[in-house]
Amino acid sequence: MTSSPPQPGWYPDARDPRLHRWWDGQAWTADTRPAYQTPPPSDSEPIELDIERAHDPARIQNQVNRATRGRGAARTGGGTLFTEPVLVVNQRAKLIEMANEFGVFDQNGNRLGGVVEVGQSTLKKAIRLLTNYDQFLTHKFEVRDANHSTVLKVTRPAKVFKSRFLVTRADETPIGEIVQENVFGKIRFGFVVDGHSVGGIFAENWRAWNFSIRDHAGTEVARVTKTWGGFLKAAFTTADNYVVEIPQPLPDPLASMVVAAALTIDTALKQDTD
């Protein structure tokens, strides 16, 4: 007899006993809370203003259709962050955002992994809550696969005017840097590996809603399109949703740079908003 999976709820995190992790009934999500924190009412779902459930396959498919204008993906993916032709990146919606968290899904709504901001001290959280100076501080992110294993680390060192991101593997082996190249106009970032340019990400308008990702020869290899998260989410939270299209498989290190840029570029823009 095959036992049924546990009901959705908070369960002890296998990797960190200090945390509880949210099980949505089918898979572990990127949502965590301190193990000592009082459970939400009825323990039925995370406390968040998330009217459009981030893991709802139907809504994710609608996001993809809006972003791709119904053309869909031209190839079948391999089921990972680095092999899928479409990545849907949905930020967890919170009334007070103390740390960025994103879920990443394929075009059918299957969870591929997530992005979690780590290393937020109590002081940094206070600065983020009470001031705008958080944009100048160091930010660290982990890109995790569907099994919650870290596959990439992205660090944005403290900055004044231009952002720079250091991309490494899980063991902190360097891959490259994502470097902001301008301050005014349509923002653009270059991908630098071993001192050489391998491509970049280019905003298509001054508000940076959509991006073209290109290789070193200027050929577009991916696109990032921001999608509407719903009126309540847009009005009351800072959550953002994106669809990333990668029509053809990419070689490393370009593939890692594209995934790192697509999953963290919102941080650079949001931190620079003020």
C-alpha atoms as a PDB file:
ATOM      1  CA  MET A   1       0.000   0.000   0.000  1.00  0.00           C
ATOM      2  CA  THR A   2       1.291   3.457  -0.930  1.00  0.00           C
ATOM      3  CA  SER A   3       0.922   6.035   1.839  1.00  0.00           C
ATOM      4  CA  SER A   4      -0.471   9.447   0.966  1.00  0.00           C
ATOM      5  CA  PRO A   5       1.804  12.515   1.297  1.00  0.00           C
ATOM      6  CA  PRO A   6       1.526  14.666   4.434  1.00  0.00           C
ATOM      7  CA  GLN A   7      -1.045  17.440   4.548  1.00  0.00           C
ATOM      8  CA  PRO A   8       0.157  21.006   3.730  1.00  0.00           C
ATOM      9  CA  GLY A   9       1.748  22.621   6.749  1.00  0.00           C
ATOM     10  CA  TRP A  10       4.914  23.689   8.584  1.00  0.00           C
ATOM     11  CA  TYR A  11       7.396  20.895   9.336  1.00  0.00           C
ATOM     12  CA  PRO A  12      10.945  20.838  10.817  1.00  0.00           C
ATOM     13  CA  ASP A  13      13.522  21.687   8.161  1.00  0.00           C
ATOM     14  CA  ALA A  14      15.801  18.741   7.440  1.00  0.00           C
ATOM     15  CA  ARG A  15      18.780  21.019   6.784  1.00  0.00           C
ATOM     16  CA  ASP A  16      18.351  23.504   9.623  1.00  0.00           C
ATOM     17  CA  PRO A  17      16.674  22.493  12.929  1.00  0.00           C
ATOM     18  CA  ARG A  18      16.207  26.177  13.782  1.00  0.00           C
ATOM     19  CA  LEU A  19      13.628  26.478  10.977  1.00  0.00           C
ATOM     20  CA  HIS A  20      10.303  25.075   9.930  1.00  0.00           C
ATOM     21  CA  ARG A  21       9.663  24.760   6.172  1.00  0.00           C
ATOM     22  CA  TRP A  22       6.306  24.903   4.361  1.00  0.00           C
ATOM     23  CA  TRP A  23       5.126  21.668   2.650  1.00  0.00           C
ATOM     24  CA  ASP A  24       2.447  22.506   0.046  1.00  0.00           C
ATOM     25  CA  GLY A  25       1.136  18.947  -0.140  1.00  0.00           C
ATOM     26  CA  GLN A  26       3.375  17.950  -3.038  1.00  0.00           C
ATOM     27  CA  ALA A  27       6.787  19.544  -2.515  1.00  0.00           C
ATOM     28  CA  TRP A  28       8.866  21.626  -0.108  1.00  0.00           C
ATOM     29  CA  THR A  29       8.704  25.358  -0.846  1.00  0.00           C
ATOM     30  CA  ALA A  30      11.175  28.184  -0.183  1.00  0.00           C
ATOM     31  CA  ASP A  31       8.986  29.492   2.664  1.00  0.00           C
ATOM     32  CA  THR A  32      10.560  29.137   6.121  1.00  0.00           C
ATOM     33  CA  ARG A  33       9.988  30.504   9.621  1.00  0.00           C
ATOM     34  CA  PRO A  34      11.809  30.144  12.947  1.00  0.00           C
ATOM     35  CA  ALA A  35      10.994  26.847  14.652  1.00  0.00           C
ATOM     36  CA  TYR A  36       9.877  28.676  17.786  1.00  0.00           C
ATOM     37  CA  GLN A  37       7.470  30.980  15.940  1.00  0.00           C
ATOM     38  CA  THR A  38       3.775  30.585  16.717  1.00  0.00           C
ATOM     39  CA  PRO A  39       2.058  28.712  13.847  1.00  0.00           C
ATOM     40  CA  PRO A  40      -0.392  30.597  11.631  1.00  0.00           C
ATOM     41  CA  PRO A  41      -4.106  30.269  12.474  1.00  0.00           C
ATOM     42  CA  SER A  42      -5.237  26.649  11.733  1.00  0.00           C
ATOM     43  CA  ASP A  43      -1.713  26.085  10.375  1.00  0.00           C
ATOM     44  CA  SER A  44      -3.283  25.954   6.951  1.00  0.00           C
ATOM     45  CA  GLU A  45      -1.003  28.233   4.921  1.00  0.00           C
ATOM     46  CA  PRO A  46       1.786  30.819   5.320  1.00  0.00           C
ATOM     47  CA  ILE A  47       0.735  34.272   6.510  1.00  0.00           C
ATOM     48  CA  GLU A  48       1.256  36.408   3.418  1.00  0.00           C
ATOM     49  CA  LEU A  49      -0.789  38.635   1.147  1.00  0.00           C
ATOM     50  CA  ASP A  50      -0.663  36.236  -1.803  1.00  0.00           C
ATOM     51  CA  ILE A  51      -3.997  36.424  -3.567  1.00  0.00           C
ATOM     52  CA  GLU A  52      -2.623  34.621  -6.630  1.00  0.00           C
ATOM     53  CA  ARG A  53      -1.126  31.514  -5.004  1.00  0.00           C
ATOM     54  CA  ALA A  54       2.439  31.495  -6.328  1.00  0.00           C
ATOM     55  CA  HIS A  55       2.446  27.734  -6.913  1.00  0.00           C
ATOM     56  CA  ASP A  56      -0.940  27.570  -8.707  1.00  0.00           C
ATOM     57  CA  PRO A  57      -0.165  25.876 -12.068  1.00  0.00           C
ATOM     58  CA  ALA A  58      -3.099  27.518 -13.860  1.00  0.00           C
ATOM     59  CA  ARG A  59      -2.005  31.024 -12.856  1.00  0.00           C
ATOM     60  CA  ILE A  60       1.609  30.273 -13.723  1.00  0.00           C
ATOM     61  CA  GLN A  61       0.546  29.080 -17.171  1.00  0.00           C
ATOM     62  CA  ASN A  62      -1.435  32.305 -17.591  1.00  0.00           C
ATOM     63  CA  GLN A  63       1.681  34.283 -16.675  1.00  0.00           C
ATOM     64  CA  VAL A  64       3.631  32.437 -19.340  1.00  0.00           C
ATOM     65  CA  ASN A  65       0.937  33.026 -21.949  1.00  0.00           C
ATOM     66  CA  ARG A  66       0.866  36.749 -21.201  1.00  0.00           C
ATOM     67  CA  ALA A  67       4.638  37.087 -21.256  1.00  0.00           C
ATOM     68  CA  THR A  68       5.209  34.978 -24.367  1.00  0.00           C
ATOM     69  CA  ARG A  69       2.018  36.184 -26.067  1.00  0.00           C
ATOM     70  CA  GLY A  70       0.875  32.603 -26.447  1.00  0.00           C
ATOM     71  CA  ARG A  71       3.831  31.413 -28.501  1.00  0.00           C
ATOM     72  CA  GLY A  72       5.053  29.044 -25.752  1.00  0.00           C
ATOM     73  CA  ALA A  73       8.420  27.330 -25.611  1.00  0.00           C
ATOM     74  CA  ALA A  74      10.031  25.931 -28.743  1.00  0.00           C
ATOM     75  CA  ARG A  75      11.716  23.024 -26.949  1.00  0.00           C
ATOM     76  CA  THR A  76      11.161  20.527 -24.170  1.00  0.00           C
ATOM     77  CA  GLY A  77      13.027  21.182 -20.952  1.00  0.00           C
ATOM     78  CA  GLY A  78      15.047  18.898 -18.733  1.00  0.00           C
ATOM     79  CA  GLY A  79      13.282  19.700 -15.483  1.00  0.00           C
ATOM     80  CA  THR A  80      16.010  21.824 -13.853  1.00  0.00           C
ATOM     81  CA  LEU A  81      16.829  25.503 -13.430  1.00  0.00           C
ATOM     82  CA  PHE A  82      19.504  25.196 -16.133  1.00  0.00           C
ATOM     83  CA  THR A  83      17.630  23.101 -18.701  1.00  0.00           C
ATOM     84  CA  GLU A  84      14.101  24.524 -18.853  1.00  0.00           C
ATOM     85  CA  PRO A  85      13.249  26.897 -21.738  1.00  0.00           C
ATOM     86  CA  VAL A  86      10.916  28.943 -19.505  1.00  0.00           C
ATOM     87  CA  LEU A  87      11.453  29.950 -15.871  1.00  0.00           C
ATOM     88  CA  VAL A  88       8.613  31.616 -13.972  1.00  0.00           C
ATOM     89  CA  VAL A  89       9.987  33.666 -11.064  1.00  0.00           C
ATOM     90  CA  ASN A  90       7.419  34.697  -8.453  1.00  0.00           C
ATOM     91  CA  GLN A  91       8.355  36.661  -5.369  1.00  0.00           C
ATOM     92  CA  ARG A  92       6.725  35.729  -2.116  1.00  0.00           C
ATOM     93  CA  ALA A  93       4.339  38.569  -1.289  1.00  0.00           C
ATOM     94  CA  LYS A  94       4.792  40.092   2.162  1.00  0.00           C
ATOM     95  CA  LEU A  95       3.354  43.264   3.640  1.00  0.00           C
ATOM     96  CA  ILE A  96       6.741  44.027   5.235  1.00  0.00           C
ATOM     97  CA  GLU A  97       9.633  42.717   3.185  1.00  0.00           C
ATOM     98  CA  MET A  98      12.615  41.923   5.410  1.00  0.00           C
ATOM     99  CA  ALA A  99      14.297  39.438   3.036  1.00  0.00           C
ATOM    100  CA  ASN A 100      13.651  38.627  -0.598  1.00  0.00           C
ATOM    101  CA  GLU A 101      12.296  35.180  -1.444  1.00  0.00           C
ATOM    102  CA  PHE A 102      11.399  33.898  -4.904  1.00  0.00           C
ATOM    103  CA  GLY A 103       9.888  30.631  -6.095  1.00  0.00           C
ATOM    104  CA  VAL A 104      10.964  29.395  -9.529  1.00  0.00           C
ATOM    105  CA  PHE A 105       8.673  27.210 -11.658  1.00  0.00           C
ATOM    106  CA  ASP A 106       8.571  25.741 -15.152  1.00  0.00           C
ATOM    107  CA  GLN A 107       5.937  26.826 -17.670  1.00  0.00           C
ATOM    108  CA  ASN A 108       3.531  24.121 -16.428  1.00  0.00           C
ATOM    109  CA  GLY A 109       3.713  25.224 -12.802  1.00  0.00           C
ATOM    110  CA  ASN A 110       6.135  22.561 -11.565  1.00  0.00           C
ATOM    111  CA  ARG A 111       8.486  23.860  -8.917  1.00  0.00           C
ATOM    112  CA  LEU A 112      12.136  23.980 -10.024  1.00  0.00           C
ATOM    113  CA  GLY A 113      13.622  25.718  -6.996  1.00  0.00           C
ATOM    114  CA  GLY A 114      13.865  29.136  -5.440  1.00  0.00           C
ATOM    115  CA  VAL A 115      15.995  32.106  -4.490  1.00  0.00           C
ATOM    116  CA  VAL A 116      16.438  33.063  -0.837  1.00  0.00           C
ATOM    117  CA  GLU A 117      18.199  36.065   0.658  1.00  0.00           C
ATOM    118  CA  VAL A 118      20.529  34.909   3.441  1.00  0.00           C
ATOM    119  CA  GLY A 119      22.750  36.525   6.068  1.00  0.00           C
ATOM    120  CA  GLN A 120      20.273  39.214   7.130  1.00  0.00           C
ATOM    121  CA  SER A 121      21.286  40.238  10.641  1.00  0.00           C
ATOM    122  CA  THR A 122      18.878  41.850  13.083  1.00  0.00           C
ATOM    123  CA  LEU A 123      20.574  45.201  12.490  1.00  0.00           C
ATOM    124  CA  LYS A 124      20.220  44.929   8.709  1.00  0.00           C
ATOM    125  CA  LYS A 125      16.556  43.997   9.053  1.00  0.00           C
ATOM    126  CA  ALA A 126      16.004  47.044  11.259  1.00  0.00           C
ATOM    127  CA  ILE A 127      17.744  49.264   8.702  1.00  0.00           C
ATOM    128  CA  ARG A 128      15.590  47.796   5.956  1.00  0.00           C
ATOM    129  CA  LEU A 129      12.421  48.376   7.958  1.00  0.00           C
ATOM    130  CA  LEU A 130      13.148  51.909   9.123  1.00  0.00           C
ATOM    131  CA  THR A 131      15.289  53.498   6.404  1.00  0.00           C
ATOM    132  CA  ASN A 132      16.273  53.427   2.734  1.00  0.00           C
ATOM    133  CA  TYR A 133      19.953  52.777   3.458  1.00  0.00           C
ATOM    134  CA  ASP A 134      19.494  49.054   2.947  1.00  0.00           C
ATOM    135  CA  GLN A 135      20.104  49.649  -0.764  1.00  0.00           C
ATOM    136  CA  PHE A 136      23.770  50.457  -0.014  1.00  0.00           C
ATOM    137  CA  LEU A 137      24.478  47.328   2.058  1.00  0.00           C
ATOM    138  CA  THR A 138      25.761  43.904   1.036  1.00  0.00           C
ATOM    139  CA  HIS A 139      23.118  41.363  -0.028  1.00  0.00           C
ATOM    140  CA  LYS A 140      23.623  37.627  -0.371  1.00  0.00           C
ATOM    141  CA  PHE A 141      21.402  35.129  -2.175  1.00  0.00           C
ATOM    142  CA  GLU A 142      21.293  31.392  -2.629  1.00  0.00           C
ATOM    143  CA  VAL A 143      19.758  29.855  -5.748  1.00  0.00           C
ATOM    144  CA  ARG A 144      18.382  26.449  -4.733  1.00  0.00           C
ATOM    145  CA  ASP A 145      17.030  23.545  -6.757  1.00  0.00           C
ATOM    146  CA  ALA A 146      13.803  21.626  -6.143  1.00  0.00           C
ATOM    147  CA  ASN A 147      15.526  19.541  -3.455  1.00  0.00           C
ATOM    148  CA  HIS A 148      16.586  22.704  -1.598  1.00  0.00           C
ATOM    149  CA  SER A 149      20.243  22.163  -2.496  1.00  0.00           C
ATOM    150  CA  THR A 150      22.186  25.340  -3.247  1.00  0.00           C
ATOM    151  CA  VAL A 151      23.376  25.434  -6.872  1.00  0.00           C
ATOM    152  CA  LEU A 152      24.522  29.064  -7.126  1.00  0.00           C
ATOM    153  CA  LYS A 153      25.439  31.843  -4.712  1.00  0.00           C
ATOM    154  CA  VAL A 154      25.068  35.491  -5.667  1.00  0.00           C
ATOM    155  CA  THR A 155      26.533  38.308  -3.577  1.00  0.00           C
ATOM    156  CA  ARG A 156      25.955  41.987  -4.203  1.00  0.00           C
ATOM    157  CA  PRO A 157      28.686  43.841  -2.263  1.00  0.00           C
ATOM    158  CA  ALA A 158      27.954  47.188  -0.652  1.00  0.00           C
ATOM    159  CA  LYS A 159      27.731  49.918  -3.286  1.00  0.00           C
ATOM    160  CA  VAL A 160      27.101  53.617  -3.815  1.00  0.00           C
ATOM    161  CA  PHE A 161      26.019  54.163  -7.415  1.00  0.00           C
ATOM    162  CA  LYS A 162      26.545  50.994  -9.456  1.00  0.00           C
ATOM    163  CA  SER A 163      25.728  47.434  -8.455  1.00  0.00           C
ATOM    164  CA  ARG A 164      28.064  44.474  -8.879  1.00  0.00           C
ATOM    165  CA  PHE A 165      27.139  40.833  -8.336  1.00  0.00           C
ATOM    166  CA  LEU A 166      29.606  38.041  -7.601  1.00  0.00           C
ATOM    167  CA  VAL A 167      28.381  34.668  -8.902  1.00  0.00           C
ATOM    168  CA  THR A 168      29.815  31.447  -7.485  1.00  0.00           C
ATOM    169  CA  ARG A 169      28.961  27.785  -7.322  1.00  0.00           C
ATOM    170  CA  ALA A 170      27.619  26.278  -4.099  1.00  0.00           C
ATOM    171  CA  ASP A 171      31.159  25.626  -2.857  1.00  0.00           C
ATOM    172  CA  GLU A 172      31.974  29.310  -3.593  1.00  0.00           C
ATOM    173  CA  THR A 173      34.107  28.496  -6.636  1.00  0.00           C
ATOM    174  CA  PRO A 174      33.988  31.747  -8.688  1.00  0.00           C
ATOM    175  CA  ILE A 175      32.029  31.777 -11.938  1.00  0.00           C
ATOM    176  CA  GLY A 176      31.951  35.471 -12.858  1.00  0.00           C
ATOM    177  CA  GLU A 177      30.571  38.917 -12.152  1.00  0.00           C
ATOM    178  CA  ILE A 178      27.459  40.808 -13.226  1.00  0.00           C
ATOM    179  CA  VAL A 179      28.524  44.449 -13.450  1.00  0.00           C
ATOM    180  CA  GLN A 180      26.254  47.480 -13.807  1.00  0.00           C
ATOM    181  CA  GLU A 181      27.536  49.548 -16.713  1.00  0.00           C
ATOM    182  CA  ASN A 182      25.465  52.733 -16.473  1.00  0.00           C
ATOM    183  CA  VAL A 183      23.424  54.819 -14.064  1.00  0.00           C
ATOM    184  CA  PHE A 184      21.174  56.865 -16.336  1.00  0.00           C
ATOM    185  CA  GLY A 185      18.924  55.740 -19.162  1.00  0.00           C
ATOM    186  CA  LYS A 186      18.165  52.127 -19.988  1.00  0.00           C
ATOM    187  CA  ILE A 187      20.059  50.132 -17.394  1.00  0.00           C
ATOM    188  CA  ARG A 188      22.456  47.410 -18.532  1.00  0.00           C
ATOM    189  CA  PHE A 189      24.703  44.869 -16.842  1.00  0.00           C
ATOM    190  CA  GLY A 190      27.692  43.083 -18.323  1.00  0.00           C
ATOM    191  CA  PHE A 191      28.670  39.449 -17.676  1.00  0.00           C
ATOM    192  CA  VAL A 192      32.392  39.180 -16.946  1.00  0.00           C
ATOM    193  CA  VAL A 193      34.153  35.811 -16.658  1.00  0.00           C
ATOM    194  CA  ASP A 194      37.922  35.627 -16.077  1.00  0.00           C
ATOM    195  CA  GLY A 195      38.193  39.271 -17.095  1.00  0.00           C
ATOM    196  CA  HIS A 196      36.391  38.753 -20.415  1.00  0.00           C
ATOM    197  CA  SER A 197      32.901  39.837 -21.469  1.00  0.00           C
ATOM    198  CA  VAL A 198      30.585  36.897 -22.216  1.00  0.00           C
ATOM    199  CA  GLY A 199      27.378  38.873 -22.626  1.00  0.00           C
ATOM    200  CA  GLY A 200      25.023  41.058 -20.670  1.00  0.00           C
ATOM    201  CA  ILE A 201      21.481  41.977 -19.721  1.00  0.00           C
ATOM    202  CA  PHE A 202      19.853  45.085 -21.219  1.00  0.00           C
ATOM    203  CA  ALA A 203      16.692  46.888 -20.108  1.00  0.00           C
ATOM    204  CA  GLU A 204      14.381  47.727 -23.000  1.00  0.00           C
ATOM    205  CA  ASN A 205      12.935  50.842 -21.393  1.00  0.00           C
ATOM    206  CA  TRP A 206      13.953  53.278 -18.663  1.00  0.00           C
ATOM    207  CA  ARG A 207      11.599  51.720 -16.102  1.00  0.00           C
ATOM    208  CA  ALA A 208      13.341  48.356 -16.678  1.00  0.00           C
ATOM    209  CA  TRP A 209      10.208  46.250 -17.002  1.00  0.00           C
ATOM    210  CA  ASN A 210      11.621  43.956 -19.687  1.00  0.00           C
ATOM    211  CA  PHE A 211      15.140  42.781 -20.483  1.00  0.00           C
ATOM    212  CA  SER A 212      17.063  41.307 -23.375  1.00  0.00           C
ATOM    213  CA  ILE A 213      19.920  38.968 -22.406  1.00  0.00           C
ATOM    214  CA  ARG A 214      22.658  38.705 -25.048  1.00  0.00           C
ATOM    215  CA  ASP A 215      25.877  36.805 -25.575  1.00  0.00           C
ATOM    216  CA  HIS A 216      29.293  38.371 -26.278  1.00  0.00           C
ATOM    217  CA  ALA A 217      28.399  38.833 -29.959  1.00  0.00           C
ATOM    218  CA  GLY A 218      25.200  40.745 -29.165  1.00  0.00           C
ATOM    219  CA  THR A 219      22.875  37.866 -30.085  1.00  0.00           C
ATOM    220  CA  GLU A 220      19.807  37.592 -27.867  1.00  0.00           C
ATOM    221  CA  VAL A 221      19.876  34.298 -25.937  1.00  0.00           C
ATOM    222  CA  ALA A 222      17.143  34.971 -23.359  1.00  0.00           C
ATOM    223  CA  ARG A 223      14.416  37.418 -22.371  1.00  0.00           C
ATOM    224  CA  VAL A 224      13.003  38.556 -19.033  1.00  0.00           C
ATOM    225  CA  THR A 225       9.445  39.889 -18.956  1.00  0.00           C
ATOM    226  CA  LYS A 226       7.774  41.296 -15.862  1.00  0.00           C
ATOM    227  CA  THR A 227       4.189  40.126 -15.347  1.00  0.00           C
ATOM    228  CA  TRP A 228       1.275  41.564 -13.401  1.00  0.00           C
ATOM    229  CA  GLY A 229       0.883  40.046  -9.933  1.00  0.00           C
ATOM    230  CA  GLY A 230      -2.657  41.232  -9.269  1.00  0.00           C
ATOM    231  CA  PHE A 231      -4.067  44.495  -7.924  1.00  0.00           C
ATOM    232  CA  LEU A 232      -3.776  43.714  -4.208  1.00  0.00           C
ATOM    233  CA  LYS A 233      -0.242  42.396  -4.566  1.00  0.00           C
ATOM    234  CA  ALA A 234       0.833  45.438  -6.577  1.00  0.00           C
ATOM    235  CA  ALA A 235      -0.893  47.920  -4.272  1.00  0.00           C
ATOM    236  CA  PHE A 236       0.125  46.584  -0.881  1.00  0.00           C
ATOM    237  CA  THR A 237       3.351  44.606  -1.312  1.00  0.00           C
ATOM    238  CA  THR A 238       6.695  44.870  -3.114  1.00  0.00           C
ATOM    239  CA  ALA A 239       6.440  41.432  -4.753  1.00  0.00           C
ATOM    240  CA  ASP A 240       7.385  41.061  -8.406  1.00  0.00           C
ATOM    241  CA  ASN A 241       6.808  38.305 -10.937  1.00  0.00           C
ATOM    242  CA  TYR A 242       8.905  37.514 -14.015  1.00  0.00           C
ATOM    243  CA  VAL A 243       8.978  35.091 -16.911  1.00  0.00           C
ATOM    244  CA  VAL A 244      12.397  34.141 -18.295  1.00  0.00           C
ATOM    245  CA  GLU A 245      12.582  32.670 -21.812  1.00  0.00           C
ATOM    246  CA  ILE A 246      15.703  30.736 -22.841  1.00  0.00           C
ATOM    247  CA  PRO A 247      14.932  29.377 -26.356  1.00  0.00           C
ATOM    248  CA  GLN A 248      18.122  27.340 -26.804  1.00  0.00           C
ATOM    249  CA  PRO A 249      20.356  25.441 -24.341  1.00  0.00           C
ATOM    250  CA  LEU A 250      23.338  27.553 -23.271  1.00  0.00           C
ATOM    251  CA  PRO A 251      26.887  26.428 -22.458  1.00  0.00           C
ATOM    252  CA  ASP A 252      28.481  27.212 -19.136  1.00  0.00           C
ATOM    253  CA  PRO A 253      29.542  29.664 -17.812  1.00  0.00           C
ATOM    254  CA  LEU A 254      27.004  31.676 -19.857  1.00  0.00           C
ATOM    255  CA  ALA A 255      24.143  29.446 -18.665  1.00  0.00           C
ATOM    256  CA  SER A 256      25.000  30.067 -14.995  1.00  0.00           C
ATOM    257  CA  MET A 257      25.399  33.800 -15.580  1.00  0.00           C
ATOM    258  CA  VAL A 258      22.023  33.996 -17.344  1.00  0.00           C
ATOM    259  CA  VAL A 259      20.227  32.106 -14.564  1.00  0.00           C
ATOM    260  CA  ALA A 260      21.952  34.160 -11.843  1.00  0.00           C
ATOM    261  CA  ALA A 261      21.133  37.444 -13.598  1.00  0.00           C
ATOM    262  CA  ALA A 262      17.531  36.547 -14.388  1.00  0.00           C
ATOM    263  CA  LEU A 263      16.792  35.403 -10.838  1.00  0.00           C
ATOM    264  CA  THR A 264      18.446  38.301  -8.982  1.00  0.00           C
ATOM    265  CA  ILE A 265      18.257  41.304 -11.328  1.00  0.00           C
ATOM    266  CA  ASP A 266      15.110  42.552  -9.578  1.00  0.00           C
ATOM    267  CA  THR A 267      17.167  43.072  -6.436  1.00  0.00           C
ATOM    268  CA  ALA A 268      19.512  45.512  -8.149  1.00  0.00           C
ATOM    269  CA  LEU A 269      16.658  47.535  -9.586  1.00  0.00           C
ATOM    270  CA  LYS A 270      14.508  47.501  -6.447  1.00  0.00           C
ATOM    271  CA  GLN A 271      17.393  48.448  -4.158  1.00  0.00           C
ATOM    272  CA  ASP A 272      18.173  51.361  -6.483  1.00  0.00           C
ATOM    273  CA  THR A 273      14.596  52.612  -6.663  1.00  0.00           C
ATOM    274  CA  ASP A 274      15.028  55.169  -3.911  1.00  0.00           C
END
